[in-house]
Each structure stands twice: as structure tokens, then as C-alpha cells.
Protein backbone atom coordinates (compact mmCIF):
# COMPACT_ATOMS: atom_id res chain seq x y z
CA MET A 1 57.73 53.04 14.70
CA ASP A 2 53.87 52.54 13.45
CA VAL A 3 51.31 50.63 15.28
CA PHE A 4 52.00 47.63 13.45
CA ASP A 5 55.23 47.44 13.81
CA ARG A 6 54.80 48.02 17.69
CA ILE A 7 52.11 45.34 18.45
CA GLY A 8 54.45 42.92 16.24
CA ALA A 9 57.04 43.53 18.40
CA ASP A 10 55.35 42.09 21.46
CA ASP A 11 52.96 39.52 19.51
CA TYR A 12 49.79 41.32 20.67
CA GLU A 13 46.58 39.61 19.15
CA GLN A 14 44.35 42.74 18.90
CA VAL A 15 44.37 46.17 19.44
CA VAL A 16 40.48 48.15 18.86
CA PHE A 17 40.65 51.65 19.02
CA CYS A 18 36.81 52.79 20.20
CA HIS A 19 34.90 56.12 19.89
CA ASP A 20 31.90 57.30 20.37
CA ARG A 21 30.97 60.66 19.12
CA GLY A 22 27.96 61.33 21.47
CA SER A 23 29.23 60.42 24.90
CA GLY A 24 32.79 61.57 23.70
CA LEU A 25 34.53 58.17 24.11
CA ARG A 26 37.96 58.24 22.96
CA ALA A 27 39.65 54.70 24.68
CA ILE A 28 42.06 51.63 23.39
CA ILE A 29 41.65 48.21 24.10
CA ALA A 30 44.58 45.84 23.35
CA VAL A 31 44.47 42.08 23.84
CA HIS A 32 47.81 40.74 24.37
CA SER A 33 47.58 36.92 24.52
CA THR A 34 44.48 34.60 24.29
CA ARG A 35 46.64 31.55 24.51
CA LEU A 36 45.60 30.36 28.01
CA GLY A 37 41.82 31.84 28.09
CA PRO A 38 40.13 35.27 27.43
CA GLY A 39 42.53 38.18 28.33
CA LEU A 40 41.34 39.80 31.52
CA GLY A 41 42.85 43.18 32.54
CA GLY A 42 40.82 46.59 33.87
CA THR A 43 40.06 49.58 32.31
CA ARG A 44 42.11 52.49 32.99
CA PHE A 45 40.54 56.51 32.93
CA TYR A 46 43.31 58.92 32.72
CA PRO A 47 44.10 62.06 31.51
CA TYR A 48 46.80 60.88 29.10
CA ALA A 49 48.84 63.45 27.45
CA SER A 50 48.62 62.42 24.17
CA GLU A 51 47.63 59.39 21.88
CA ASP A 52 50.56 57.94 21.82
CA GLU A 53 50.92 57.73 25.54
CA GLY A 54 47.80 55.78 26.23
CA LEU A 55 48.69 53.44 23.40
CA GLU A 56 52.20 52.81 24.91
CA ASP A 57 50.32 52.51 28.36
CA VAL A 58 47.68 49.82 27.30
CA LEU A 59 50.27 47.96 25.29
CA ARG A 60 52.68 47.27 28.42
CA LEU A 61 49.99 46.96 30.80
CA ALA A 62 48.16 44.52 28.27
CA ARG A 63 51.36 42.07 28.32
CA ALA A 64 51.84 42.36 32.15
CA MET A 65 49.13 40.99 32.57
CA THR A 66 49.76 38.25 30.50
CA HIS A 67 52.41 37.26 32.57
CA LYS A 68 50.53 38.00 35.68
CA ALA A 69 47.85 35.77 35.01
CA ALA A 70 50.16 32.81 33.51
CA ALA A 71 52.74 33.38 36.73
CA ALA A 72 49.72 33.22 38.95
CA GLY A 73 48.50 29.86 37.31
CA LEU A 74 45.25 31.17 36.14
CA ASP A 75 43.63 29.87 32.42
CA LEU A 76 43.62 33.33 31.61
CA GLY A 77 44.99 35.95 29.05
CA GLY A 78 46.09 39.33 29.28
CA GLY A 79 44.37 42.59 28.29
CA LYS A 80 43.93 46.09 28.97
CA ALA A 81 41.84 48.96 28.45
CA VAL A 82 42.50 53.24 28.85
CA ILE A 83 40.01 55.45 28.30
CA PHE A 84 41.09 59.16 27.56
CA GLY A 85 40.18 61.94 29.92
CA ASP A 86 39.83 63.23 33.45
CA PRO A 87 37.88 60.38 35.56
CA ASP A 88 36.25 63.60 37.62
CA ARG A 89 35.12 65.22 35.03
CA ASP A 90 34.70 63.58 31.76
CA LYS A 91 33.70 60.23 33.02
CA THR A 92 29.55 59.89 32.69
CA GLU A 93 27.24 56.81 32.80
CA ALA A 94 26.47 57.56 28.65
CA LEU A 95 30.29 57.31 27.94
CA LEU A 96 30.85 54.15 30.26
CA ARG A 97 27.98 52.27 28.20
CA ALA A 98 29.43 53.58 24.93
CA TYR A 99 32.54 52.21 26.18
CA ALA A 100 30.87 48.68 27.54
CA ARG A 101 29.47 48.21 23.79
CA HIS A 102 32.89 48.01 22.22
CA VAL A 103 33.91 45.30 24.76
CA ASP A 104 30.53 43.12 24.48
CA ALA A 105 31.78 43.62 20.71
CA LEU A 106 34.85 41.50 21.64
CA GLY A 107 32.65 38.50 22.27
CA GLY A 108 34.54 37.67 25.38
CA ARG A 109 38.25 37.99 23.99
CA TYR A 110 38.32 40.72 26.82
CA LEU A 111 36.88 40.42 30.16
CA THR A 112 37.49 44.24 31.83
CA ALA A 113 37.39 44.94 35.70
CA GLU A 114 38.09 48.63 37.47
CA ASP A 115 41.88 49.96 37.52
CA VAL A 116 43.23 53.32 37.83
CA GLY A 117 40.48 55.91 37.64
CA THR A 118 37.36 53.58 37.57
CA THR A 119 35.70 51.87 40.41
CA GLN A 120 33.33 48.74 41.28
CA ALA A 121 30.47 50.79 40.67
CA ASP A 122 31.16 51.80 36.93
CA MET A 123 31.70 48.05 36.26
CA ASP A 124 28.52 48.04 37.54
CA ILE A 125 27.19 50.02 34.73
CA VAL A 126 29.20 48.48 32.21
CA ARG A 127 27.51 45.43 32.58
CA LYS A 128 24.16 46.85 31.75
CA GLU A 129 25.47 46.49 28.04
CA THR A 130 27.80 43.52 28.26
CA ARG A 131 28.30 40.41 30.49
CA PHE A 132 32.09 40.11 29.90
CA VAL A 133 33.24 42.65 32.91
CA THR A 134 34.27 41.38 36.39
CA GLY A 135 34.56 42.76 39.79
CA VAL A 136 31.19 44.02 39.70
CA SER A 137 28.69 44.32 43.17
CA ARG A 138 27.92 41.26 44.84
CA GLU A 139 24.49 42.01 44.38
CA LEU A 140 25.05 41.36 40.82
CA GLY A 141 27.57 38.07 41.49
CA GLY A 142 30.54 39.73 41.45
CA SER A 143 33.04 39.84 44.22
CA GLY A 144 33.35 43.75 44.20
CA ASP A 145 36.47 45.91 44.98
CA PRO A 146 39.38 43.68 43.87
CA SER A 147 41.64 45.96 45.59
CA ILE A 148 40.93 44.82 48.99
CA ALA A 149 42.17 41.65 47.36
CA THR A 150 45.60 43.13 45.87
CA ALA A 151 46.46 44.50 49.59
CA TYR A 152 45.86 40.92 51.03
CA GLY A 153 48.12 39.39 48.43
CA LEU A 154 50.74 42.47 48.77
CA LEU A 155 50.91 41.56 52.32
CA TRP A 156 52.19 37.84 51.55
CA ALA A 157 54.24 39.03 49.09
CA MET A 158 55.99 41.20 51.51
CA LYS A 159 56.24 38.15 54.35
CA ALA A 160 57.76 35.46 51.48
CA VAL A 161 60.62 38.45 50.87
CA ALA A 162 60.71 38.55 54.65
CA LEU A 163 61.48 34.75 54.91
CA ARG A 164 63.78 35.06 52.11
CA LEU A 165 66.05 37.76 54.06
CA TRP A 166 65.29 37.69 57.69
CA GLY A 167 64.42 34.11 57.78
CA ASP A 168 60.65 34.81 59.47
CA THR A 169 57.35 35.58 57.50
CA SER A 170 56.78 38.26 60.35
CA LEU A 171 57.00 41.74 59.43
CA VAL A 172 56.76 42.54 63.58
CA GLY A 173 58.82 45.59 64.00
CA ARG A 174 59.81 46.01 59.86
CA HIS A 175 59.70 49.64 58.99
CA VAL A 176 57.76 49.64 55.24
CA ALA A 177 56.91 52.97 53.27
CA VAL A 178 54.35 53.45 51.25
CA ALA A 179 54.38 55.22 47.74
CA GLY A 180 50.63 56.09 47.30
CA VAL A 181 47.70 55.55 49.74
CA GLY A 182 44.67 55.12 47.81
CA LYS A 183 42.67 52.10 47.26
CA VAL A 184 45.11 49.20 47.52
CA GLY A 185 47.62 51.72 49.40
CA ARG A 186 45.01 52.07 52.02
CA ALA A 187 43.91 49.03 52.10
CA LEU A 188 47.51 47.47 52.67
CA LEU A 189 48.12 49.81 55.56
CA GLY A 190 45.41 48.26 57.84
CA HIS A 191 47.19 45.02 57.08
CA LEU A 192 50.98 46.35 57.84
CA ALA A 193 48.97 47.82 61.11
CA GLU A 194 47.67 44.71 62.37
CA GLU A 195 51.44 42.98 61.86
CA ARG A 196 52.78 46.28 63.99
CA THR A 197 54.72 47.52 61.16
CA ARG A 198 56.52 50.49 61.50
CA ILE A 199 54.78 52.75 58.22
CA THR A 200 55.96 55.64 56.45
CA VAL A 201 53.64 57.11 53.53
CA ALA A 202 53.28 59.60 50.78
CA ASP A 203 50.74 60.24 48.19
CA VAL A 204 50.00 63.03 45.69
CA THR A 205 46.21 63.78 47.59
CA PRO A 206 46.63 65.13 51.06
CA ALA A 207 43.69 64.52 52.17
CA SER A 208 44.87 60.85 52.03
CA VAL A 209 48.39 61.00 53.57
CA GLU A 210 46.29 62.93 56.67
CA ARG A 211 43.86 59.91 56.72
CA ALA A 212 46.68 57.72 56.65
CA VAL A 213 48.21 59.58 59.86
CA ALA A 214 45.22 58.98 61.65
CA GLU A 215 44.13 55.90 61.12
CA VAL A 216 47.34 53.73 61.69
CA GLY A 217 49.57 56.19 63.08
CA ALA A 218 51.98 56.55 59.98
CA GLU A 219 54.97 58.87 59.37
CA ALA A 220 54.47 61.48 56.27
CA VAL A 221 57.13 62.66 53.86
CA ALA A 222 56.99 64.37 50.46
CA VAL A 223 56.20 62.42 47.43
CA GLU A 224 59.20 63.16 45.68
CA LYS A 225 61.52 62.00 49.21
CA ILE A 226 59.46 58.42 49.78
CA HIS A 227 61.44 56.36 47.47
CA ALA A 228 64.46 57.19 49.51
CA VAL A 229 63.21 56.13 53.14
CA GLU A 230 65.11 54.13 55.16
CA CYS A 231 63.30 51.04 55.61
CA ASP A 232 62.94 47.87 54.75
CA ILE A 233 60.53 47.40 52.09
CA TYR A 234 59.56 50.13 49.79
CA ALA A 235 56.12 49.61 48.62
CA PRO A 236 55.57 51.35 45.22
CA CYS A 237 51.56 51.73 45.43
CA ALA A 238 50.28 54.13 42.62
CA MET A 239 51.22 54.56 38.97
CA GLY A 240 54.54 52.69 37.36
CA GLY A 241 57.76 53.76 36.17
CA VAL A 242 59.07 54.84 39.50
CA LEU A 243 62.60 52.27 39.57
CA ASN A 244 64.59 54.22 37.06
CA THR A 245 68.17 55.62 36.98
CA ALA A 246 67.37 58.24 39.26
CA THR A 247 65.42 56.33 42.05
CA ILE A 248 67.59 53.42 42.22
CA PRO A 249 70.70 54.69 43.48
CA GLU A 250 68.63 56.65 45.52
CA LEU A 251 67.07 53.68 47.51
CA ARG A 252 67.54 52.72 50.77
CA CYS A 253 65.75 49.56 51.58
CA ALA A 254 66.35 45.61 51.58
CA ALA A 255 63.53 45.18 49.33
CA VAL A 256 60.57 46.27 47.02
CA VAL A 257 57.22 44.68 46.94
CA GLY A 258 54.37 47.31 45.55
CA SER A 259 51.02 46.75 43.80
CA ALA A 260 51.93 49.79 40.98
CA ASN A 261 51.99 48.10 37.42
CA ASN A 262 55.66 48.55 35.54
CA GLN A 263 57.48 49.18 38.51
CA LEU A 264 60.89 48.82 36.54
CA ALA A 265 61.06 52.45 34.18
CA ASP A 266 63.34 50.31 31.62
CA GLY A 267 62.97 47.05 32.44
CA ALA A 268 66.17 44.46 32.21
CA ALA A 269 68.56 47.68 33.21
CA SER A 270 66.40 48.78 36.33
CA ALA A 271 65.97 44.87 37.05
CA ALA A 272 70.02 44.84 36.75
CA ALA A 273 70.55 48.16 38.62
CA LEU A 274 68.16 46.70 41.43
CA ALA A 275 70.16 43.53 41.98
CA GLU A 276 73.81 45.72 42.02
CA ALA A 277 72.31 47.66 44.73
CA GLY A 278 71.34 44.89 46.43
CA VAL A 279 67.96 45.62 46.93
CA LEU A 280 65.59 42.86 46.49
CA TYR A 281 62.45 42.74 43.66
CA ALA A 282 59.64 40.92 44.14
CA PRO A 283 58.25 41.38 40.51
CA ASP A 284 55.22 43.94 40.35
CA PHE A 285 53.06 41.84 38.33
CA VAL A 286 53.59 38.42 40.48
CA ALA A 287 53.63 40.83 43.91
CA ASN A 288 50.26 42.40 43.12
CA ALA A 289 48.25 39.26 41.78
CA GLY A 290 45.77 39.17 44.30
CA GLY A 291 42.88 41.14 42.76
CA LEU A 292 43.17 39.14 39.41
CA ILE A 293 43.23 36.16 41.83
CA ASN A 294 40.15 36.91 43.28
CA ILE A 295 38.60 38.04 40.24
CA ALA A 296 39.53 34.85 38.18
CA GLU A 297 37.49 33.36 41.14
CA GLU A 298 34.09 34.87 39.63
CA LEU A 299 34.16 33.09 36.72
CA ALA A 300 34.15 29.47 38.45
CA PRO A 301 31.63 27.13 37.45
CA THR A 302 29.77 27.17 40.94
CA GLY A 303 30.56 31.02 41.60
CA TYR A 304 32.02 33.40 43.61
CA HIS A 305 32.84 32.23 47.59
CA PRO A 306 34.78 35.02 49.38
CA ASP A 307 36.51 32.04 51.48
CA LEU A 308 38.01 30.12 48.80
CA ALA A 309 39.08 33.57 46.77
CA LEU A 310 40.71 34.82 50.17
CA ALA A 311 42.80 31.32 50.33
CA ALA A 312 43.38 31.60 46.58
CA VAL A 313 45.05 34.60 47.11
CA ARG A 314 47.18 34.10 49.89
CA ARG A 315 49.01 31.81 47.32
CA VAL A 316 50.74 34.85 45.83
CA PHE A 317 53.42 33.92 49.00
CA GLU A 318 54.59 30.82 46.88
CA ASN A 319 54.27 32.10 43.70
CA VAL A 320 56.75 34.97 44.80
CA THR A 321 58.86 32.15 46.06
CA ALA A 322 59.38 30.21 43.44
CA VAL A 323 60.41 33.50 41.89
CA LEU A 324 62.95 33.98 43.87
CA GLN A 325 64.38 30.40 43.99
CA ARG A 326 64.27 30.25 39.93
CA ALA A 327 66.16 33.61 40.12
CA GLU A 328 68.99 32.21 42.51
CA ALA A 329 68.92 28.94 40.75
CA ASP A 330 69.47 30.45 37.64
CA GLY A 331 71.75 33.32 38.39
CA VAL A 332 69.25 35.64 36.74
CA THR A 333 66.99 39.16 37.99
CA THR A 334 63.78 38.27 39.58
CA ALA A 335 62.34 40.03 37.19
CA ALA A 336 63.86 37.57 34.39
CA ALA A 337 62.98 34.80 36.53
CA ALA A 338 59.18 35.90 36.80
CA ASP A 339 59.04 36.35 32.55
CA LYS A 340 60.75 32.66 32.58
CA LEU A 341 58.57 31.12 34.75
CA ALA A 342 55.37 33.00 33.29
CA GLU A 343 56.54 32.28 29.60
CA ASP A 344 57.27 28.52 30.34
CA ARG A 345 53.51 27.86 31.91
CA ILE A 346 52.02 29.97 28.47
CA ALA A 347 54.51 27.50 26.19
CA ALA A 348 53.78 24.28 28.02
CA LEU A 349 49.61 24.87 28.19
CA SER A 350 48.74 27.06 25.06
CA ALA A 351 48.97 24.21 22.81
CA VAL A 352 46.00 22.44 24.55
CA HIS A 353 44.02 25.52 26.01
CA GLN A 354 40.97 26.78 23.87
CA ILE A 355 39.65 30.69 24.40
CA ARG A 356 37.49 30.44 27.16
CA ILE A 357 34.03 32.70 27.34
CA PRO A 358 32.12 32.42 30.56
CA THR A 359 28.37 31.53 30.09
């Protein structure tokens, strides 16, 4: 399948290949949809094994952002970007500013933010070249690191699942296995500790695991074993594709509620396998929408207000609940219900929305 066939299959509006010889920049920006508003999504800096792998990732992520924004009730579309390279070795100010000029050239059809391999400080550099960036520091009028809000929203997603499974939003005494304790995972641990949950963690970085053990008294297991831990909630908070034909049969949890994007390796097939296994799945783009909801508050006419943003993030509870109710009423998987809720909102509102470029 060539590039045009691939982007046409899911109706992507625009895919831009970005290059700058001087800085070594190689990047792809994918705008999936602007039917509800400008496509917003982070910039992932990652050492992909091939250009095809990077293209596939950015396309999947951009489409998920469309559904995430729609399901969260935001007047935003979906977009995403990937920069090829090792962020620890290849990231420079010159490269980020070259990338930012490509973002700026899109004129607001795409709004960027941080993601895996990029930081708030990186977005502050991007801001030097374009206003079409979110998640910049408070000093620049932004909301700061969105991972804090993502973790807070994930907590409320877990509470929605707990209410459905156990009749109470409390997580006291529940056991949560967290795979990946980086920015979002570490913030989530603090919330879980406050809820007095039992916590098991795994991460590819030993120092992150040691920190989790020291800070919240977490138990540690190997990365390849975390999904099979007997627990109440399994929380994938690292890379996607972790729910697949190998891992799903080994799950020993009642529910999956995590912040990782694209958790279902095989889409509908993985969702069906989870349902057949009796595991309640909170669709990732609904459960992890807290960061996006928080960032969207930057675009409000009155500017960003932290208290209003946190109140908005708590809507994740209602959004997850709506998905669970829709799935039960329609007799479909929670993943299918989430997709349908997002698609229904896009269809209902796209005729009356125009692309809104922040000023």
C-alpha cells in the first residue's frame, strides 16, 4: 500500500514530511481531521527503526487524537507529529526551531504539544518560531507539563471503572499494576498512594523503578511480567500495542485503565478478546484525555486558569461512564462504543464548525 492509499483509507486530510539538512531534522506531521477544529496533538521524538514505522505510528496517533478530542467534548481535531532520532543524542535547539517553522507553515491547522521524547522546555523553544504550540510554561502563558493532568484524569477513569465493577468509586485497598512510571506514571503513583491502593510497578529504566519503590512503597516486577500480575487494575502507561494475542490471555486483572496510546495491538480483535476474557477495558483515548482537556483550556478566550482546567479534567469520569453505558446498551465492546460516541459527535457538529485558528 502506497502513502496515498494509506492516508486515504482513514481520510487523513494532510501528511507533511519535514526536512532540514543543517539541523538533521526528519519529521512527519499528520493532520487527521479539522472537522471540529484545528488538529491538536503532541510531537513524539523517537528512534524509529524505519521511516515506514514512524509513518504508521504518526498516522495511528493522529487518528486517535481526533477521537480523543471528540469523545472529550472538545472543539478540536486530531493531529500528531513524529521526529526521527534519539532525543538524548539528536535533539538540539536548531532542530526544534527548524521543526517549529514547519508547524508554523501549516497556519494553525495543526497545534503541537509535548509527547514521548519531548518536554515542556522543548515546547518553549518551539514557541520562539510559532504560536501554534500548546503546553508551554506558565511564564509564556501556557499550562505547563500536561502529564500531571493526564494522570489526574486517569485517576478519575479508574474511579469510573471501580464504580461499574465494585459499586464504589473508592480505590482504597485495590491493587493497581502500573507499567511505565515516567512522567504520567509517576504522577499517577502519587494519586494512587493518596487513595491507599496497593501498587506494583515496572519500567525499562531501573532508576524509575527504584524511585517508585522509595516514594510510594511500590512493589517491583520485571517489565515482561507486569501485565500478568494478579491485580484489580492493570495500567499501561508506556508505549502502545501492549494488549495483543500474547498478553491478553495472560492478564489476571479485572480492568485495564492506562495512559498509553494505541494499547490495542489488533484493534477490534484485541477489544473482543478482552471482552471474552472478562476484562473491562477503558478505551485509552477516553481514559487518557486529561492532558488534552487541560491543554485545550489554554485556548479559552480568557486564557488558562488551573482551577477551571482541573475541574474540566474531572469530566473524564463522566466520559468513561458514558462509554461503559453505551457499550452495555448496544451490546458492543467498550472500544467500539467509544469510537461510535466520537464519530457521532463529529458527524453532528462538523457541518457547523469551521477551523478555528487561535489568535
